[in-house]
C-alpha atoms as a PDB file:
ATOM      1  CA  PRO A   1     -23.186  17.024  11.406  1.00  0.00           C
ATOM      2  CA  THR A   2     -24.097  14.638   8.607  1.00  0.00           C
ATOM      3  CA  THR A   3     -25.672  15.513   5.257  1.00  0.00           C
ATOM      4  CA  ILE A   4     -27.317  12.771   3.208  1.00  0.00           C
ATOM      5  CA  PHE A   5     -27.926  13.505  -0.476  1.00  0.00           C
ATOM      6  CA  ILE A   6     -30.822  11.533  -1.960  1.00  0.00           C
ATOM      7  CA  ASN A   7     -31.494  11.312  -5.697  1.00  0.00           C
ATOM      8  CA  LYS A   8     -34.888  11.431  -7.403  1.00  0.00           C
ATOM      9  CA  LYS A   9     -35.150   7.629  -7.215  1.00  0.00           C
ATOM     10  CA  GLY A  10     -34.910   7.845  -3.425  1.00  0.00           C
ATOM     11  CA  GLU A  11     -31.410   6.353  -3.352  1.00  0.00           C
ATOM     12  CA  ILE A  12     -28.544   7.756  -1.315  1.00  0.00           C
ATOM     13  CA  SER A  13     -26.106   9.479  -3.675  1.00  0.00           C
ATOM     14  CA  LYS A  14     -23.601  10.736  -1.115  1.00  0.00           C
ATOM     15  CA  VAL A  15     -23.086  11.065   2.612  1.00  0.00           C
ATOM     16  CA  HIS A  16     -20.988  13.918   3.972  1.00  0.00           C
ATOM     17  CA  THR A  17     -19.942  14.017   7.613  1.00  0.00           C
ATOM     18  CA  GLY A  18     -18.243  16.869   9.364  1.00  0.00           C
ATOM     19  CA  TYR A  19     -18.191  20.597   8.815  1.00  0.00           C
ATOM     20  CA  ASN A  20     -15.979  22.758   6.633  1.00  0.00           C
ATOM     21  CA  GLY A  21     -16.849  26.330   7.562  1.00  0.00           C
ATOM     22  CA  PRO A  22     -15.362  29.571   6.233  1.00  0.00           C
ATOM     23  CA  ALA A  23     -12.501  29.392   8.735  1.00  0.00           C
ATOM     24  CA  THR A  24     -11.166  26.266   6.985  1.00  0.00           C
ATOM     25  CA  GLY A  25     -10.161  28.329   3.936  1.00  0.00           C
ATOM     26  CA  VAL A  26      -9.467  26.192   0.863  1.00  0.00           C
ATOM     27  CA  HIS A  27     -11.350  23.242   2.361  1.00  0.00           C
ATOM     28  CA  TYR A  28     -14.481  25.382   2.607  1.00  0.00           C
ATOM     29  CA  GLU A  29     -14.154  26.555  -0.996  1.00  0.00           C
ATOM     30  CA  ALA A  30     -13.618  22.975  -2.212  1.00  0.00           C
ATOM     31  CA  TYR A  31     -16.647  21.777  -0.235  1.00  0.00           C
ATOM     32  CA  LYS A  32     -18.841  24.547  -1.648  1.00  0.00           C
ATOM     33  CA  ASN A  33     -17.792  23.677  -5.188  1.00  0.00           C
ATOM     34  CA  GLU A  34     -18.331  19.935  -4.660  1.00  0.00           C
ATOM     35  CA  PHE A  35     -21.699  20.612  -3.021  1.00  0.00           C
ATOM     36  CA  ASN A  36     -22.875  22.825  -5.894  1.00  0.00           C
ATOM     37  CA  VAL A  37     -21.772  20.337  -8.573  1.00  0.00           C
ATOM     38  CA  LEU A  38     -23.556  17.491  -6.784  1.00  0.00           C
ATOM     39  CA  ILE A  39     -26.764  19.503  -6.315  1.00  0.00           C
ATOM     40  CA  GLU A  40     -26.795  20.520  -9.991  1.00  0.00           C
ATOM     41  CA  LYS A  41     -26.274  16.874 -10.990  1.00  0.00           C
ATOM     42  CA  LEU A  42     -29.103  15.678  -8.742  1.00  0.00           C
ATOM     43  CA  LEU A  43     -31.457  18.381 -10.007  1.00  0.00           C
ATOM     44  CA  ALA A  44     -30.669  17.489 -13.634  1.00  0.00           C
ATOM     45  CA  GLU A  45     -31.640  13.837 -13.143  1.00  0.00           C
ATOM     46  CA  LYS A  46     -34.790  12.679 -14.873  1.00  0.00           C
END
């Protein structure tokens, strides 16, 4: 799977390919943290 993150200007901010599910342990936790930080950053944009 591929996830494309688009900012409020309509520009691509990040592209993530692949899947890090719960079975991947620390990789899953790192992905969740990175995902949450990116989403908060995109939501805070003006």
